[in-house]
Amino acid sequence: CCVCNCVITAVNEREAILKNGGAIPYHLLVWSGGVAPAHALKNFGMPLDPKGRLVVNQNLEARPHVWAIGDCAAYTDPQTQKPLPGNIPVVEMQAVRAARNVVAAIQRRSQQPFQPLKHWPFILTAGGKYAFADLGAVRFTGLIGWFAKQLIQLRYLMGILPLANALGIWMIGIRVWTSNDPGHRIPTQKRRPA
């Protein structure tokens, strides 16, 4: 828990139960995770899919007034009857819909169902300066794909940081990616003795 640096062991309708025996009351719980569902989800007493994700309805609710998105949510696409991929475009769209549904619930208005795309854009880096990009109408690989990935990263950073900070962090990322590419040397690196 980011509030008290304690481990949350369970959640009920009104509070998060802590490992130390304490509890944190809440009106809105936001749970975010990494590339796998949080192990704590099994302690919430809500239905899970075989991968340990909360089963959610069309409004992204695991139960009334408990929304889940991303790696924590098992949402089945009504068109394909398959779970959605756990990538950033899916999570971003789910986050917008879940946030709007939270506001609708608070205002006692009807929630709207999540509407997944038919095709999800993606860019996957494959090491060094190589990436696969499928943006729907446009597909490319190699250095162009890698460059597109870097521009998307810069756009994201500029959305959450002041411009100077975003550019600085982006340049560090470029330096790390290119310095880890065995076929490339950064001009500012000192040469190593042979």
N, C-alpha and C. Protein backbone atom coordinates (compact mmCIF):
# COMPACT_ATOMS: atom_id res chain seq x y z
N CYS A 1 0.85 -1.17 0.00
CA CYS A 1 0.00 0.00 0.00
C CYS A 1 0.90 1.24 0.00
N CYS A 2 0.63 2.18 -0.88
CA CYS A 2 1.45 3.39 -0.96
C CYS A 2 1.15 4.38 0.16
N VAL A 3 0.10 4.19 0.91
CA VAL A 3 -0.25 5.11 1.99
C VAL A 3 0.61 4.85 3.22
N CYS A 4 0.76 3.58 3.60
CA CYS A 4 1.46 3.27 4.85
C CYS A 4 2.59 2.26 4.67
N ASN A 5 2.93 1.91 3.45
CA ASN A 5 3.98 0.94 3.16
C ASN A 5 3.69 -0.40 3.84
N CYS A 6 2.42 -0.80 3.83
CA CYS A 6 1.97 -2.06 4.42
C CYS A 6 1.46 -2.97 3.31
N VAL A 7 1.37 -4.26 3.63
CA VAL A 7 0.85 -5.23 2.68
C VAL A 7 -0.67 -5.33 2.85
N ILE A 8 -1.40 -5.20 1.74
CA ILE A 8 -2.85 -5.39 1.75
C ILE A 8 -3.12 -6.87 1.56
N THR A 9 -3.87 -7.47 2.48
CA THR A 9 -4.16 -8.90 2.39
C THR A 9 -5.57 -9.20 1.91
N ALA A 10 -6.47 -8.25 2.04
CA ALA A 10 -7.86 -8.46 1.60
C ALA A 10 -8.53 -7.10 1.42
N VAL A 11 -9.61 -7.11 0.68
CA VAL A 11 -10.40 -5.90 0.47
C VAL A 11 -11.87 -6.28 0.58
N ASN A 12 -12.62 -5.50 1.33
CA ASN A 12 -14.06 -5.70 1.35
C ASN A 12 -14.72 -4.46 0.76
N GLU A 13 -16.01 -4.31 0.92
CA GLU A 13 -16.73 -3.21 0.27
C GLU A 13 -16.38 -1.84 0.82
N ARG A 14 -15.76 -1.78 2.00
CA ARG A 14 -15.52 -0.48 2.64
C ARG A 14 -14.07 -0.21 3.03
N GLU A 15 -13.23 -1.25 3.12
CA GLU A 15 -11.87 -1.02 3.60
C GLU A 15 -10.89 -2.05 3.05
N ALA A 16 -9.62 -1.64 3.03
CA ALA A 16 -8.52 -2.54 2.68
C ALA A 16 -7.94 -3.07 3.99
N ILE A 17 -7.85 -4.39 4.12
CA ILE A 17 -7.35 -5.03 5.32
C ILE A 17 -5.84 -5.21 5.18
N LEU A 18 -5.09 -4.78 6.19
CA LEU A 18 -3.63 -4.82 6.15
C LEU A 18 -3.08 -6.04 6.88
N LYS A 19 -1.89 -6.46 6.48
CA LYS A 19 -1.24 -7.62 7.10
C LYS A 19 -0.98 -7.39 8.58
N ASN A 20 -0.73 -6.15 8.97
CA ASN A 20 -0.43 -5.85 10.38
C ASN A 20 -1.69 -5.79 11.25
N GLY A 21 -2.86 -6.11 10.66
CA GLY A 21 -4.11 -6.10 11.41
C GLY A 21 -4.91 -4.83 11.27
N GLY A 22 -4.33 -3.80 10.72
CA GLY A 22 -5.03 -2.53 10.53
C GLY A 22 -5.93 -2.57 9.31
N ALA A 23 -6.60 -1.47 9.06
CA ALA A 23 -7.48 -1.35 7.91
C ALA A 23 -7.49 0.10 7.44
N ILE A 24 -7.65 0.28 6.15
CA ILE A 24 -7.76 1.62 5.57
C ILE A 24 -9.14 1.74 4.93
N PRO A 25 -9.99 2.61 5.46
CA PRO A 25 -11.32 2.78 4.85
C PRO A 25 -11.18 3.51 3.51
N TYR A 26 -12.10 3.23 2.59
CA TYR A 26 -12.07 3.91 1.30
C TYR A 26 -13.47 4.06 0.74
N HIS A 27 -13.59 5.00 -0.17
CA HIS A 27 -14.82 5.16 -0.95
C HIS A 27 -14.56 4.72 -2.38
N LEU A 28 -13.30 4.86 -2.83
CA LEU A 28 -12.90 4.46 -4.17
C LEU A 28 -11.55 3.78 -4.05
N LEU A 29 -11.44 2.54 -4.50
CA LEU A 29 -10.18 1.81 -4.47
C LEU A 29 -9.65 1.74 -5.89
N VAL A 30 -8.42 2.19 -6.09
CA VAL A 30 -7.74 2.08 -7.38
C VAL A 30 -6.58 1.12 -7.18
N TRP A 31 -6.60 0.02 -7.89
CA TRP A 31 -5.56 -0.98 -7.79
C TRP A 31 -4.83 -1.02 -9.12
N SER A 32 -3.52 -0.86 -9.11
CA SER A 32 -2.75 -0.95 -10.35
C SER A 32 -1.67 -2.00 -10.18
N GLY A 33 -1.35 -2.66 -11.28
CA GLY A 33 -0.39 -3.76 -11.19
C GLY A 33 0.61 -3.73 -12.31
N GLY A 34 1.33 -4.81 -12.45
CA GLY A 34 2.38 -4.94 -13.46
C GLY A 34 1.94 -5.86 -14.58
N VAL A 35 2.82 -6.76 -14.98
CA VAL A 35 2.56 -7.62 -16.13
C VAL A 35 1.79 -8.88 -15.76
N ALA A 36 1.50 -9.06 -14.51
CA ALA A 36 0.71 -10.20 -14.05
C ALA A 36 -0.28 -9.70 -13.02
N PRO A 37 -1.39 -10.40 -12.87
CA PRO A 37 -2.33 -9.95 -11.84
C PRO A 37 -1.69 -10.00 -10.46
N ALA A 38 -2.08 -9.08 -9.63
CA ALA A 38 -1.56 -9.05 -8.26
C ALA A 38 -2.03 -10.29 -7.51
N HIS A 39 -1.13 -10.90 -6.75
CA HIS A 39 -1.46 -12.10 -5.98
C HIS A 39 -2.56 -11.82 -4.96
N ALA A 40 -2.67 -10.58 -4.52
CA ALA A 40 -3.68 -10.22 -3.52
C ALA A 40 -5.10 -10.39 -4.05
N LEU A 41 -5.27 -10.41 -5.38
CA LEU A 41 -6.62 -10.52 -5.94
C LEU A 41 -7.33 -11.79 -5.46
N LYS A 42 -6.56 -12.85 -5.21
CA LYS A 42 -7.20 -14.09 -4.76
C LYS A 42 -7.81 -13.95 -3.37
N ASN A 43 -7.40 -12.92 -2.63
CA ASN A 43 -7.93 -12.70 -1.28
C ASN A 43 -9.16 -11.80 -1.26
N PHE A 44 -9.58 -11.30 -2.41
CA PHE A 44 -10.68 -10.34 -2.44
C PHE A 44 -12.05 -11.00 -2.42
N GLY A 45 -12.11 -12.31 -2.58
CA GLY A 45 -13.39 -13.00 -2.54
C GLY A 45 -14.26 -12.76 -3.75
N MET A 46 -13.64 -12.43 -4.87
CA MET A 46 -14.39 -12.20 -6.11
C MET A 46 -13.97 -13.25 -7.13
N PRO A 47 -14.83 -13.56 -8.12
CA PRO A 47 -14.48 -14.58 -9.11
C PRO A 47 -13.23 -14.20 -9.91
N LEU A 48 -12.36 -15.20 -10.12
CA LEU A 48 -11.13 -15.03 -10.89
C LEU A 48 -11.16 -15.97 -12.09
N ASP A 49 -10.47 -15.58 -13.15
CA ASP A 49 -10.31 -16.48 -14.29
C ASP A 49 -9.12 -17.40 -13.99
N PRO A 50 -8.81 -18.37 -14.85
CA PRO A 50 -7.70 -19.29 -14.58
C PRO A 50 -6.33 -18.61 -14.44
N LYS A 51 -6.18 -17.39 -14.98
CA LYS A 51 -4.91 -16.67 -14.85
C LYS A 51 -4.86 -15.81 -13.60
N GLY A 52 -5.92 -15.82 -12.79
CA GLY A 52 -5.93 -15.07 -11.54
C GLY A 52 -6.42 -13.64 -11.67
N ARG A 53 -7.06 -13.30 -12.78
CA ARG A 53 -7.59 -11.95 -12.99
C ARG A 53 -9.05 -11.89 -12.54
N LEU A 54 -9.48 -10.72 -12.08
CA LEU A 54 -10.87 -10.52 -11.69
C LEU A 54 -11.77 -10.58 -12.92
N VAL A 55 -12.80 -11.38 -12.85
CA VAL A 55 -13.76 -11.46 -13.96
C VAL A 55 -14.63 -10.21 -13.89
N VAL A 56 -14.66 -9.46 -15.00
CA VAL A 56 -15.42 -8.20 -15.03
C VAL A 56 -16.54 -8.29 -16.05
N ASN A 57 -17.56 -7.46 -15.84
CA ASN A 57 -18.67 -7.39 -16.77
C ASN A 57 -18.39 -6.38 -17.87
N GLN A 58 -19.40 -6.08 -18.68
CA GLN A 58 -19.21 -5.16 -19.81
C GLN A 58 -18.86 -3.75 -19.36
N ASN A 59 -19.16 -3.41 -18.10
CA ASN A 59 -18.83 -2.08 -17.56
C ASN A 59 -17.50 -2.08 -16.83
N LEU A 60 -16.77 -3.19 -16.89
CA LEU A 60 -15.47 -3.38 -16.24
C LEU A 60 -15.60 -3.49 -14.72
N GLU A 61 -16.76 -3.92 -14.24
CA GLU A 61 -16.97 -4.11 -12.81
C GLU A 61 -16.79 -5.59 -12.45
N ALA A 62 -16.04 -5.82 -11.38
CA ALA A 62 -15.89 -7.17 -10.84
C ALA A 62 -17.08 -7.49 -9.94
N ARG A 63 -17.61 -6.48 -9.32
CA ARG A 63 -18.86 -6.51 -8.56
C ARG A 63 -19.31 -5.06 -8.47
N PRO A 64 -20.53 -4.79 -8.03
CA PRO A 64 -20.97 -3.39 -8.01
C PRO A 64 -19.99 -2.47 -7.29
N HIS A 65 -19.60 -1.42 -7.99
CA HIS A 65 -18.71 -0.37 -7.49
C HIS A 65 -17.27 -0.83 -7.26
N VAL A 66 -16.88 -1.92 -7.91
CA VAL A 66 -15.47 -2.38 -7.90
C VAL A 66 -15.10 -2.62 -9.35
N TRP A 67 -14.29 -1.72 -9.91
CA TRP A 67 -13.87 -1.80 -11.30
C TRP A 67 -12.46 -2.35 -11.38
N ALA A 68 -12.17 -3.07 -12.43
CA ALA A 68 -10.82 -3.60 -12.65
C ALA A 68 -10.47 -3.42 -14.12
N ILE A 69 -9.20 -3.10 -14.37
CA ILE A 69 -8.72 -2.92 -15.75
C ILE A 69 -7.34 -3.55 -15.88
N GLY A 70 -6.88 -3.65 -17.11
CA GLY A 70 -5.51 -4.09 -17.38
C GLY A 70 -5.24 -5.51 -16.93
N ASP A 71 -4.07 -5.70 -16.33
CA ASP A 71 -3.62 -7.03 -15.93
C ASP A 71 -4.49 -7.64 -14.84
N CYS A 72 -5.25 -6.83 -14.14
CA CYS A 72 -6.10 -7.33 -13.05
C CYS A 72 -7.48 -7.76 -13.55
N ALA A 73 -7.82 -7.45 -14.79
CA ALA A 73 -9.17 -7.67 -15.28
C ALA A 73 -9.22 -8.76 -16.35
N ALA A 74 -10.18 -9.66 -16.21
CA ALA A 74 -10.46 -10.66 -17.24
C ALA A 74 -11.71 -10.20 -17.98
N TYR A 75 -11.49 -9.47 -19.06
CA TYR A 75 -12.60 -8.97 -19.87
C TYR A 75 -12.64 -9.80 -21.16
N THR A 76 -13.78 -10.38 -21.45
CA THR A 76 -13.94 -11.17 -22.67
C THR A 76 -14.60 -10.30 -23.73
N ASP A 77 -13.94 -10.20 -24.88
CA ASP A 77 -14.48 -9.43 -26.00
C ASP A 77 -15.77 -10.11 -26.46
N PRO A 78 -16.91 -9.41 -26.44
CA PRO A 78 -18.17 -10.04 -26.83
C PRO A 78 -18.20 -10.50 -28.29
N GLN A 79 -17.41 -9.87 -29.15
CA GLN A 79 -17.38 -10.24 -30.57
C GLN A 79 -16.59 -11.52 -30.82
N THR A 80 -15.39 -11.61 -30.18
CA THR A 80 -14.50 -12.75 -30.44
C THR A 80 -14.60 -13.85 -29.38
N GLN A 81 -15.20 -13.52 -28.23
CA GLN A 81 -15.27 -14.43 -27.08
C GLN A 81 -13.88 -14.81 -26.57
N LYS A 82 -12.92 -13.92 -26.77
CA LYS A 82 -11.54 -14.13 -26.30
C LYS A 82 -11.16 -12.99 -25.37
N PRO A 83 -10.23 -13.26 -24.42
CA PRO A 83 -9.76 -12.16 -23.56
C PRO A 83 -8.94 -11.16 -24.37
N LEU A 84 -8.96 -9.91 -23.93
CA LEU A 84 -8.19 -8.88 -24.62
C LEU A 84 -6.73 -9.00 -24.25
N PRO A 85 -5.83 -8.55 -25.14
CA PRO A 85 -4.41 -8.58 -24.81
C PRO A 85 -4.09 -7.59 -23.69
N GLY A 86 -3.08 -7.89 -22.91
CA GLY A 86 -2.68 -7.01 -21.81
C GLY A 86 -1.66 -5.99 -22.26
N ASN A 87 -2.04 -5.14 -23.21
CA ASN A 87 -1.08 -4.13 -23.66
C ASN A 87 -1.62 -2.72 -23.39
N ILE A 88 -0.77 -1.74 -23.59
CA ILE A 88 -1.08 -0.37 -23.19
C ILE A 88 -2.31 0.20 -23.89
N PRO A 89 -2.49 0.03 -25.21
CA PRO A 89 -3.70 0.60 -25.81
C PRO A 89 -5.00 0.08 -25.17
N VAL A 90 -5.02 -1.21 -24.84
CA VAL A 90 -6.20 -1.79 -24.19
C VAL A 90 -6.40 -1.15 -22.82
N VAL A 91 -5.33 -1.09 -22.04
CA VAL A 91 -5.43 -0.55 -20.68
C VAL A 91 -5.84 0.92 -20.70
N GLU A 92 -5.28 1.69 -21.63
CA GLU A 92 -5.65 3.11 -21.71
C GLU A 92 -7.13 3.28 -22.00
N MET A 93 -7.66 2.49 -22.94
CA MET A 93 -9.09 2.59 -23.25
C MET A 93 -9.94 2.12 -22.08
N GLN A 94 -9.50 1.04 -21.42
CA GLN A 94 -10.23 0.55 -20.25
C GLN A 94 -10.22 1.60 -19.14
N ALA A 95 -9.09 2.26 -18.94
CA ALA A 95 -8.99 3.26 -17.88
C ALA A 95 -9.96 4.40 -18.10
N VAL A 96 -10.07 4.86 -19.33
CA VAL A 96 -11.00 5.95 -19.65
C VAL A 96 -12.43 5.51 -19.37
N ARG A 97 -12.80 4.31 -19.85
CA ARG A 97 -14.18 3.84 -19.65
C ARG A 97 -14.45 3.61 -18.17
N ALA A 98 -13.51 2.97 -17.44
CA ALA A 98 -13.72 2.72 -16.01
C ALA A 98 -13.86 4.04 -15.25
N ALA A 99 -13.03 5.03 -15.56
CA ALA A 99 -13.11 6.32 -14.87
C ALA A 99 -14.46 6.98 -15.14
N ARG A 100 -14.92 6.93 -16.38
CA ARG A 100 -16.23 7.51 -16.70
C ARG A 100 -17.35 6.75 -15.99
N ASN A 101 -17.20 5.44 -15.85
CA ASN A 101 -18.22 4.66 -15.15
C ASN A 101 -18.20 4.92 -13.65
N VAL A 102 -17.02 5.18 -13.08
CA VAL A 102 -16.95 5.56 -11.66
C VAL A 102 -17.71 6.87 -11.45
N VAL A 103 -17.46 7.86 -12.31
CA VAL A 103 -18.15 9.14 -12.21
C VAL A 103 -19.66 8.94 -12.38
N ALA A 104 -20.05 8.12 -13.35
CA ALA A 104 -21.48 7.86 -13.58
C ALA A 104 -22.11 7.24 -12.33
N ALA A 105 -21.41 6.30 -11.70
CA ALA A 105 -21.95 5.66 -10.50
C ALA A 105 -22.09 6.67 -9.36
N ILE A 106 -21.09 7.54 -9.22
CA ILE A 106 -21.16 8.56 -8.17
C ILE A 106 -22.33 9.51 -8.41
N GLN A 107 -22.56 9.84 -9.66
CA GLN A 107 -23.65 10.76 -10.03
C GLN A 107 -24.98 10.04 -10.22
N ARG A 108 -25.00 8.75 -9.94
CA ARG A 108 -26.21 7.92 -10.06
C ARG A 108 -26.78 7.94 -11.49
N ARG A 109 -25.85 7.90 -12.46
CA ARG A 109 -26.24 7.80 -13.87
C ARG A 109 -25.91 6.40 -14.37
N SER A 110 -26.41 6.06 -15.54
CA SER A 110 -26.15 4.74 -16.13
C SER A 110 -24.70 4.66 -16.59
N GLN A 111 -24.09 3.51 -16.35
CA GLN A 111 -22.74 3.26 -16.85
C GLN A 111 -22.82 2.83 -18.31
N GLN A 112 -21.74 3.03 -19.03
CA GLN A 112 -21.66 2.63 -20.43
C GLN A 112 -20.73 1.43 -20.55
N PRO A 113 -21.05 0.50 -21.44
CA PRO A 113 -20.18 -0.67 -21.60
C PRO A 113 -18.87 -0.30 -22.30
N PHE A 114 -17.84 -1.05 -21.99
CA PHE A 114 -16.55 -0.91 -22.66
C PHE A 114 -16.70 -1.43 -24.08
N GLN A 115 -16.20 -0.67 -25.05
CA GLN A 115 -16.28 -1.06 -26.46
C GLN A 115 -14.88 -1.31 -27.00
N PRO A 116 -14.44 -2.56 -27.03
CA PRO A 116 -13.07 -2.83 -27.52
C PRO A 116 -12.96 -2.59 -29.03
N LEU A 117 -11.76 -2.25 -29.44
CA LEU A 117 -11.48 -2.07 -30.87
C LEU A 117 -11.47 -3.43 -31.56
N LYS A 118 -11.67 -3.43 -32.87
CA LYS A 118 -11.56 -4.68 -33.63
C LYS A 118 -10.10 -5.04 -33.87
N HIS A 119 -9.25 -4.04 -33.93
CA HIS A 119 -7.81 -4.27 -34.14
C HIS A 119 -7.05 -3.35 -33.18
N TRP A 120 -6.17 -3.93 -32.40
CA TRP A 120 -5.40 -3.14 -31.43
C TRP A 120 -4.02 -2.83 -31.99
N PRO A 121 -3.67 -1.55 -32.10
CA PRO A 121 -2.33 -1.19 -32.59
C PRO A 121 -1.27 -1.61 -31.58
N PHE A 122 -0.08 -1.93 -32.07
CA PHE A 122 1.01 -2.26 -31.17
C PHE A 122 2.36 -2.00 -31.82
N ILE A 123 3.36 -1.80 -30.98
CA ILE A 123 4.76 -1.76 -31.39
C ILE A 123 5.53 -2.58 -30.37
N LEU A 124 6.23 -3.58 -30.84
CA LEU A 124 7.03 -4.43 -29.97
C LEU A 124 8.50 -4.29 -30.33
N THR A 125 9.32 -3.94 -29.36
CA THR A 125 10.75 -3.90 -29.62
C THR A 125 11.29 -5.32 -29.54
N ALA A 126 12.30 -5.58 -30.36
CA ALA A 126 12.87 -6.93 -30.43
C ALA A 126 14.37 -6.89 -30.15
N GLY A 127 14.80 -5.93 -29.37
CA GLY A 127 16.23 -5.82 -29.05
C GLY A 127 16.92 -4.84 -29.97
N GLY A 128 17.93 -4.18 -29.41
CA GLY A 128 18.67 -3.22 -30.21
C GLY A 128 17.76 -2.16 -30.78
N LYS A 129 17.96 -1.84 -32.03
CA LYS A 129 17.13 -0.84 -32.71
C LYS A 129 16.23 -1.53 -33.72
N TYR A 130 15.47 -2.51 -33.25
CA TYR A 130 14.58 -3.25 -34.12
C TYR A 130 13.23 -3.39 -33.43
N ALA A 131 12.15 -3.11 -34.17
CA ALA A 131 10.81 -3.24 -33.60
C ALA A 131 9.83 -3.63 -34.70
N PHE A 132 8.74 -4.26 -34.27
CA PHE A 132 7.62 -4.59 -35.14
C PHE A 132 6.50 -3.62 -34.81
N ALA A 133 5.93 -2.98 -35.81
CA ALA A 133 4.83 -2.04 -35.58
C ALA A 133 3.66 -2.41 -36.47
N ASP A 134 2.48 -2.51 -35.87
CA ASP A 134 1.24 -2.73 -36.61
C ASP A 134 0.25 -1.70 -36.10
N LEU A 135 0.06 -0.64 -36.86
CA LEU A 135 -0.81 0.44 -36.44
C LEU A 135 -2.14 0.42 -37.18
N GLY A 136 -2.49 -0.75 -37.70
CA GLY A 136 -3.75 -0.89 -38.43
C GLY A 136 -3.53 -0.72 -39.91
N ALA A 137 -3.59 0.51 -40.37
CA ALA A 137 -3.40 0.79 -41.79
C ALA A 137 -1.93 0.74 -42.19
N VAL A 138 -1.03 0.86 -41.23
CA VAL A 138 0.41 0.91 -41.51
C VAL A 138 1.12 -0.15 -40.70
N ARG A 139 2.03 -0.88 -41.37
CA ARG A 139 2.86 -1.87 -40.69
C ARG A 139 4.30 -1.66 -41.13
N PHE A 140 5.21 -1.74 -40.17
CA PHE A 140 6.62 -1.66 -40.53
C PHE A 140 7.47 -2.34 -39.46
N THR A 141 8.70 -2.66 -39.84
CA THR A 141 9.63 -3.34 -38.94
C THR A 141 10.99 -2.68 -39.04
N GLY A 142 11.88 -3.13 -38.19
CA GLY A 142 13.26 -2.67 -38.24
C GLY A 142 13.46 -1.34 -37.55
N LEU A 143 14.42 -0.57 -38.08
CA LEU A 143 14.79 0.71 -37.50
C LEU A 143 13.61 1.70 -37.52
N ILE A 144 12.79 1.66 -38.57
CA ILE A 144 11.64 2.57 -38.64
C ILE A 144 10.65 2.24 -37.51
N GLY A 145 10.42 0.96 -37.26
CA GLY A 145 9.56 0.56 -36.15
C GLY A 145 10.12 1.00 -34.81
N TRP A 146 11.43 0.86 -34.65
CA TRP A 146 12.08 1.28 -33.40
C TRP A 146 11.94 2.78 -33.21
N PHE A 147 12.15 3.55 -34.30
CA PHE A 147 12.04 5.00 -34.22
C PHE A 147 10.61 5.42 -33.86
N ALA A 148 9.61 4.74 -34.46
CA ALA A 148 8.21 5.03 -34.12
C ALA A 148 7.96 4.77 -32.64
N LYS A 149 8.53 3.70 -32.12
CA LYS A 149 8.38 3.38 -30.69
C LYS A 149 8.97 4.49 -29.83
N GLN A 150 10.11 5.03 -30.23
CA GLN A 150 10.74 6.10 -29.46
C GLN A 150 9.90 7.37 -29.49
N LEU A 151 9.30 7.67 -30.65
CA LEU A 151 8.44 8.85 -30.74
C LEU A 151 7.19 8.70 -29.88
N ILE A 152 6.64 7.51 -29.83
CA ILE A 152 5.48 7.26 -28.97
C ILE A 152 5.87 7.41 -27.51
N GLN A 153 7.04 6.92 -27.16
CA GLN A 153 7.52 7.07 -25.78
C GLN A 153 7.68 8.56 -25.43
N LEU A 154 8.23 9.35 -26.36
CA LEU A 154 8.38 10.78 -26.12
C LEU A 154 7.01 11.44 -25.94
N ARG A 155 6.05 11.08 -26.79
CA ARG A 155 4.70 11.64 -26.67
C ARG A 155 4.11 11.33 -25.29
N TYR A 156 4.29 10.10 -24.83
CA TYR A 156 3.79 9.72 -23.51
C TYR A 156 4.45 10.56 -22.42
N LEU A 157 5.78 10.67 -22.46
CA LEU A 157 6.49 11.43 -21.43
C LEU A 157 6.07 12.89 -21.43
N MET A 158 5.84 13.46 -22.62
CA MET A 158 5.43 14.86 -22.69
C MET A 158 4.02 15.05 -22.12
N GLY A 159 3.24 13.99 -22.07
CA GLY A 159 1.90 14.07 -21.51
C GLY A 159 1.88 14.05 -19.99
N ILE A 160 2.97 13.59 -19.37
CA ILE A 160 2.98 13.48 -17.91
C ILE A 160 4.06 14.32 -17.23
N LEU A 161 4.97 14.89 -18.03
CA LEU A 161 6.08 15.66 -17.46
C LEU A 161 6.24 16.99 -18.17
N PRO A 162 6.88 17.96 -17.52
CA PRO A 162 7.25 19.18 -18.24
C PRO A 162 8.17 18.83 -19.41
N LEU A 163 8.14 19.63 -20.46
CA LEU A 163 8.87 19.34 -21.69
C LEU A 163 10.34 19.04 -21.45
N ALA A 164 11.03 19.87 -20.67
CA ALA A 164 12.47 19.67 -20.44
C ALA A 164 12.73 18.33 -19.76
N ASN A 165 11.93 17.98 -18.76
CA ASN A 165 12.09 16.70 -18.08
C ASN A 165 11.80 15.54 -19.02
N ALA A 166 10.73 15.68 -19.82
CA ALA A 166 10.37 14.62 -20.77
C ALA A 166 11.49 14.37 -21.75
N LEU A 167 12.05 15.43 -22.32
CA LEU A 167 13.15 15.28 -23.27
C LEU A 167 14.37 14.66 -22.62
N GLY A 168 14.67 15.07 -21.39
CA GLY A 168 15.83 14.51 -20.68
C GLY A 168 15.68 13.02 -20.43
N ILE A 169 14.54 12.61 -19.95
CA ILE A 169 14.31 11.18 -19.68
C ILE A 169 14.28 10.40 -20.99
N TRP A 170 13.68 10.98 -22.02
CA TRP A 170 13.64 10.31 -23.31
C TRP A 170 15.05 10.10 -23.87
N MET A 171 15.89 11.11 -23.74
CA MET A 171 17.28 10.99 -24.24
C MET A 171 18.05 9.92 -23.45
N ILE A 172 17.81 9.83 -22.15
CA ILE A 172 18.45 8.77 -21.36
C ILE A 172 17.99 7.41 -21.88
N GLY A 173 16.69 7.29 -22.15
CA GLY A 173 16.18 6.03 -22.69
C GLY A 173 16.80 5.68 -24.02
N ILE A 174 16.94 6.67 -24.90
CA ILE A 174 17.59 6.43 -26.19
C ILE A 174 19.02 5.95 -25.97
N ARG A 175 19.73 6.61 -25.06
CA ARG A 175 21.12 6.24 -24.77
C ARG A 175 21.21 4.80 -24.26
N VAL A 176 20.30 4.43 -23.37
CA VAL A 176 20.31 3.06 -22.83
C VAL A 176 20.03 2.06 -23.93
N TRP A 177 18.97 2.32 -24.72
CA TRP A 177 18.62 1.37 -25.78
C TRP A 177 19.76 1.22 -26.78
N THR A 178 20.36 2.32 -27.20
CA THR A 178 21.40 2.22 -28.22
C THR A 178 22.70 1.68 -27.65
N SER A 179 22.99 1.96 -26.38
CA SER A 179 24.24 1.43 -25.81
C SER A 179 24.14 -0.07 -25.57
N ASN A 180 22.92 -0.60 -25.45
CA ASN A 180 22.75 -2.04 -25.27
C ASN A 180 22.67 -2.78 -26.60
N ASP A 181 22.70 -2.03 -27.69
CA ASP A 181 22.70 -2.63 -29.02
C ASP A 181 24.14 -2.99 -29.37
N PRO A 182 24.47 -4.27 -29.50
CA PRO A 182 25.86 -4.66 -29.75
C PRO A 182 26.45 -4.10 -31.03
N GLY A 183 25.61 -3.70 -31.97
CA GLY A 183 26.14 -3.19 -33.23
C GLY A 183 26.29 -1.68 -33.26
N HIS A 184 26.13 -1.00 -32.13
CA HIS A 184 26.14 0.46 -32.14
C HIS A 184 26.94 1.00 -30.96
N ARG A 185 27.70 2.05 -31.20
CA ARG A 185 28.42 2.73 -30.13
C ARG A 185 27.94 4.18 -30.08
N ILE A 186 27.76 4.68 -28.90
CA ILE A 186 27.38 6.08 -28.74
C ILE A 186 28.66 6.91 -28.82
N PRO A 187 28.69 7.98 -29.62
CA PRO A 187 29.91 8.77 -29.78
C PRO A 187 30.47 9.32 -28.48
N THR A 188 29.64 9.55 -27.46
CA THR A 188 30.14 10.12 -26.22
C THR A 188 30.76 9.07 -25.30
N GLN A 189 30.65 7.79 -25.63
CA GLN A 189 31.25 6.76 -24.80
C GLN A 189 32.77 6.77 -24.98
N LYS A 190 33.48 6.50 -23.89
CA LYS A 190 34.93 6.36 -24.01
C LYS A 190 35.22 5.00 -24.61
N ARG A 191 36.23 4.97 -25.47
CA ARG A 191 36.61 3.70 -26.07
C ARG A 191 37.27 2.82 -25.03
N ARG A 192 36.94 1.55 -25.10
CA ARG A 192 37.54 0.59 -24.19
C ARG A 192 38.81 0.05 -24.80
N PRO A 193 39.81 -0.20 -23.97
CA PRO A 193 41.03 -0.79 -24.52
C PRO A 193 40.75 -2.16 -25.12
N ALA A 194 41.43 -2.48 -26.21
CA ALA A 194 41.21 -3.76 -26.88
C ALA A 194 41.80 -4.92 -26.13
